[in-house]
Amino acid sequence: MIIFLFMFSVFGLSAQYTEADWEDRDTWMKTDFLLQMAGVEAGHKVADIGCHEGYLSIRLAERVRDNGRVYSVDVRSDRLEKLRTNANTRNLKNIVTILGDYDDPKLPERELDFVFIIDTYHEMESYNKILGHVKKSLKPGGKLMILEKLKDWVRNKSRKEQVASHSLGPEYVREELEEAGFSLISEIQDHGDWEKENNKQMWVILAEKPK
């Protein structure tokens, strides 16, 4: 059970990778490893908040298979339309697209096994409200995975300074998750370099809604 969220703005405001970049991203983001770490399997119901054109959503849909479901959330309808096109070309019928608000991903309550937020959390100004909605959407014991990048030039800076550089350190997110009532399960402090740029270190936190 887990949640994992990706993008470059709150639910995806800035340009995201095209499909041609996806294979390379599989490698530098170690996507298969992350999904195994989360425990995503066939039949699970998961959410991708900040889905953009659907990179993670497509990978999740292939993993949960026809008896699972992926809720793909973005604040831009054009990106959701592109995602639907990408899903249709692969004959994937287990993706549900949701046009979310900046403070509410509009997910079903107590239904999800996992939620993913990838390179998107730093853009969420209303992160407290969003974490509250995410917690409601998870089943007891459901998991949330957050992946972010910490840029060298804002390391040890204030949260405000980091966010202004589209970056965020794990120390802030740990505290915010605990305040929202999540239990921290595991953390990867150095998951490699975002887009292979050695001044942008990825980190990952996996948290759980209490059972």
Protein backbone atom coordinates (compact mmCIF):
# COMPACT_ATOMS: atom_id res chain seq x y z
CA MET A 1 0.00 0.00 0.00
CA ILE A 2 1.47 3.38 -0.95
CA ILE A 3 1.19 6.78 -2.37
CA PHE A 4 3.56 8.40 -4.71
CA LEU A 5 3.36 11.80 -6.34
CA PHE A 6 5.43 13.41 -9.25
CA MET A 7 5.76 16.71 -11.14
CA PHE A 8 7.14 20.18 -11.49
CA SER A 9 4.30 22.23 -10.06
CA VAL A 10 1.27 21.83 -7.87
CA PHE A 11 -0.28 18.83 -9.60
CA GLY A 12 1.75 19.78 -12.68
CA LEU A 13 1.89 23.42 -13.67
CA SER A 14 5.12 23.57 -15.63
CA ALA A 15 6.26 21.56 -18.61
CA GLN A 16 6.71 17.87 -17.96
CA TYR A 17 8.72 15.29 -19.81
CA THR A 18 7.47 13.98 -23.11
CA GLU A 19 7.01 10.28 -23.67
CA ALA A 20 10.34 10.13 -25.49
CA ASP A 21 12.07 10.89 -22.16
CA TRP A 22 10.33 8.15 -20.21
CA GLU A 23 12.76 5.31 -20.86
CA ASP A 24 15.68 7.43 -19.69
CA ARG A 25 13.71 8.48 -16.64
CA ASP A 26 13.08 4.82 -15.77
CA THR A 27 16.83 4.54 -15.32
CA TRP A 28 17.84 7.70 -13.45
CA MET A 29 14.77 7.70 -11.18
CA LYS A 30 14.99 3.93 -10.57
CA THR A 31 11.24 3.69 -11.02
CA ASP A 32 10.94 -0.11 -10.80
CA PHE A 33 12.87 -0.08 -7.53
CA LEU A 34 10.58 2.60 -6.08
CA LEU A 35 7.42 0.70 -7.00
CA GLN A 36 8.87 -2.45 -5.45
CA MET A 37 9.83 -0.50 -2.35
CA ALA A 38 6.28 0.80 -2.10
CA GLY A 39 4.86 -2.68 -2.59
CA VAL A 40 2.59 -1.94 -5.54
CA GLU A 41 1.08 -5.12 -6.96
CA ALA A 42 -1.73 -6.29 -9.22
CA GLY A 43 -5.16 -5.31 -7.90
CA HIS A 44 -4.03 -2.30 -5.89
CA LYS A 45 -5.73 1.08 -6.10
CA VAL A 46 -3.22 3.92 -6.29
CA ALA A 47 -3.03 7.66 -6.97
CA ASP A 48 -0.54 9.77 -8.89
CA ILE A 49 -0.87 13.40 -7.80
CA GLY A 50 0.66 15.77 -10.31
CA CYS A 51 0.43 13.24 -13.12
CA HIS A 52 1.22 15.53 -16.09
CA GLU A 53 1.20 13.52 -19.34
CA GLY A 54 1.16 10.27 -17.39
CA TYR A 55 4.70 8.92 -16.99
CA LEU A 56 4.12 7.44 -13.53
CA SER A 57 0.43 6.76 -14.12
CA ILE A 58 1.23 4.56 -17.10
CA ARG A 59 3.88 2.66 -15.14
CA LEU A 60 1.45 2.19 -12.26
CA ALA A 61 -1.38 1.08 -14.56
CA GLU A 62 0.83 -1.59 -16.08
CA ARG A 63 1.79 -2.80 -12.61
CA VAL A 64 -1.68 -2.93 -10.96
CA ARG A 65 -3.15 -4.53 -14.11
CA ASP A 66 -6.77 -4.73 -15.15
CA ASN A 67 -8.07 -5.57 -11.67
CA GLY A 68 -6.37 -2.50 -10.16
CA ARG A 69 -6.98 1.21 -10.62
CA VAL A 70 -4.92 4.38 -10.98
CA TYR A 71 -6.34 7.80 -10.08
CA SER A 72 -4.34 10.39 -12.04
CA VAL A 73 -4.65 13.93 -10.69
CA ASP A 74 -3.59 17.20 -12.29
CA VAL A 75 -4.83 20.79 -12.26
CA ARG A 76 -4.57 21.14 -16.04
CA SER A 77 -7.13 19.50 -18.30
CA ASP A 78 -4.81 19.54 -21.33
CA ARG A 79 -2.35 17.31 -19.52
CA LEU A 80 -5.10 14.93 -18.50
CA GLU A 81 -6.21 14.76 -22.13
CA LYS A 82 -2.67 13.85 -23.19
CA LEU A 83 -2.55 11.20 -20.49
CA ARG A 84 -5.79 9.68 -21.76
CA THR A 85 -4.30 9.55 -25.25
CA ASN A 86 -1.17 7.84 -23.92
CA ALA A 87 -3.31 5.32 -22.03
CA ASN A 88 -5.55 4.61 -25.03
CA THR A 89 -2.59 3.89 -27.31
CA ARG A 90 -1.55 1.20 -24.80
CA ASN A 91 -5.11 -0.09 -24.35
CA LEU A 92 -4.94 0.73 -20.64
CA LYS A 93 -8.46 1.05 -19.24
CA ASN A 94 -7.66 1.17 -15.53
CA ILE A 95 -6.78 4.89 -15.29
CA VAL A 96 -9.26 7.43 -13.94
CA THR A 97 -8.31 11.07 -14.58
CA ILE A 98 -9.25 13.75 -12.03
CA LEU A 99 -9.07 17.51 -12.49
CA GLY A 100 -7.95 18.51 -9.02
CA ASP A 101 -7.84 21.82 -7.16
CA TYR A 102 -4.66 23.35 -5.77
CA ASP A 103 -5.70 22.39 -2.24
CA ASP A 104 -7.71 19.22 -2.97
CA PRO A 105 -6.82 16.27 -5.24
CA LYS A 106 -10.48 15.12 -5.11
CA LEU A 107 -9.66 11.49 -4.44
CA PRO A 108 -12.20 8.92 -3.19
CA GLU A 109 -12.12 8.40 0.57
CA ARG A 110 -10.71 5.28 2.32
CA GLU A 111 -10.15 3.50 -1.00
CA LEU A 112 -6.47 3.79 -1.88
CA ASP A 113 -3.58 1.47 -1.08
CA PHE A 114 -0.91 3.95 -2.21
CA VAL A 115 -0.49 7.61 -3.10
CA PHE A 116 2.51 9.01 -4.99
CA ILE A 117 3.73 12.60 -5.03
CA ILE A 118 6.84 12.94 -7.17
CA ASP A 119 8.67 16.25 -7.58
CA THR A 120 5.40 18.04 -6.82
CA TYR A 121 5.17 18.42 -3.06
CA HIS A 122 7.45 21.46 -3.06
CA GLU A 123 4.91 23.30 -5.23
CA MET A 124 1.98 22.67 -2.89
CA GLU A 125 1.32 25.86 -0.95
CA SER A 126 -1.63 24.22 0.81
CA TYR A 127 0.36 21.10 1.72
CA ASN A 128 -1.38 20.72 5.09
CA LYS A 129 -4.80 20.54 3.43
CA ILE A 130 -3.52 18.22 0.73
CA LEU A 131 -1.97 15.83 3.25
CA GLY A 132 -5.30 15.81 5.07
CA HIS A 133 -7.12 14.84 1.88
CA VAL A 134 -4.50 12.22 1.06
CA LYS A 135 -4.86 10.68 4.51
CA LYS A 136 -8.64 10.48 4.07
CA SER A 137 -8.21 8.81 0.68
CA LEU A 138 -6.04 6.01 2.05
CA LYS A 139 -7.22 2.79 3.60
CA PRO A 140 -5.98 2.17 7.14
CA GLY A 141 -2.36 1.09 6.63
CA GLY A 142 -2.25 2.75 3.21
CA LYS A 143 1.03 4.35 2.23
CA LEU A 144 2.25 7.64 0.82
CA MET A 145 5.52 8.03 -1.06
CA ILE A 146 7.06 11.44 -1.64
CA LEU A 147 10.09 11.97 -3.86
CA GLU A 148 11.77 15.35 -4.08
CA LYS A 149 15.07 16.84 -5.15
CA LEU A 150 17.31 18.98 -2.95
CA LYS A 151 19.48 21.40 -4.90
CA ASP A 152 22.94 22.05 -3.53
CA TRP A 153 22.61 25.84 -3.48
CA VAL A 154 19.59 25.77 -1.13
CA ARG A 155 20.77 22.99 1.17
CA ASN A 156 20.23 24.01 4.84
CA LYS A 157 18.21 27.05 3.73
CA SER A 158 14.72 27.94 4.95
CA ARG A 159 11.69 26.16 3.55
CA LYS A 160 10.67 29.34 1.74
CA GLU A 161 14.08 29.69 0.09
CA GLN A 162 14.11 26.06 -1.00
CA VAL A 163 10.61 26.19 -2.46
CA ALA A 164 11.49 29.34 -4.40
CA SER A 165 14.14 27.23 -6.15
CA HIS A 166 11.68 24.38 -6.85
CA SER A 167 13.40 22.24 -4.24
CA LEU A 168 12.78 20.92 -0.74
CA GLY A 169 14.71 19.09 1.97
CA PRO A 170 13.39 16.00 3.79
CA GLU A 171 13.65 17.59 7.23
CA TYR A 172 10.63 19.80 6.50
CA VAL A 173 8.56 17.00 5.01
CA ARG A 174 9.22 14.59 7.87
CA GLU A 175 7.80 17.10 10.33
CA GLU A 176 4.80 17.91 8.12
CA LEU A 177 3.93 14.25 7.64
CA GLU A 178 4.07 13.59 11.37
CA GLU A 179 1.91 16.64 12.07
CA ALA A 180 -0.63 15.29 9.56
CA GLY A 181 -0.81 12.00 11.46
CA PHE A 182 1.35 9.79 9.24
CA SER A 183 3.91 7.32 10.55
CA LEU A 184 7.29 7.36 8.82
CA ILE A 185 8.34 3.92 7.56
CA SER A 186 11.55 4.41 5.62
CA GLU A 187 13.68 7.03 3.94
CA ILE A 188 16.30 7.14 1.22
CA GLN A 189 18.47 10.19 1.80
CA ASP A 190 20.35 9.87 -1.49
CA HIS A 191 18.39 8.26 -4.33
CA GLY A 192 20.73 9.61 -6.99
CA ASP A 193 20.78 12.71 -9.14
CA TRP A 194 17.62 14.23 -10.59
CA GLU A 195 17.90 14.13 -14.38
CA LYS A 196 21.54 13.05 -13.86
CA GLU A 197 22.48 16.54 -12.64
CA ASN A 198 24.93 16.10 -9.77
CA ASN A 199 23.79 19.25 -7.95
CA LYS A 200 20.22 17.97 -7.53
CA GLN A 201 20.01 15.10 -5.07
CA MET A 202 16.83 13.02 -4.93
CA TRP A 203 15.43 11.76 -1.65
CA VAL A 204 12.44 9.55 -0.86
CA ILE A 205 10.17 9.19 2.16
CA LEU A 206 7.63 6.40 2.61
CA ALA A 207 4.93 7.03 5.21
CA GLU A 208 1.85 5.15 6.40
CA LYS A 209 -1.64 6.00 7.57
CA PRO A 210 -2.13 4.32 10.98
CA LYS A 211 -4.11 1.08 10.87
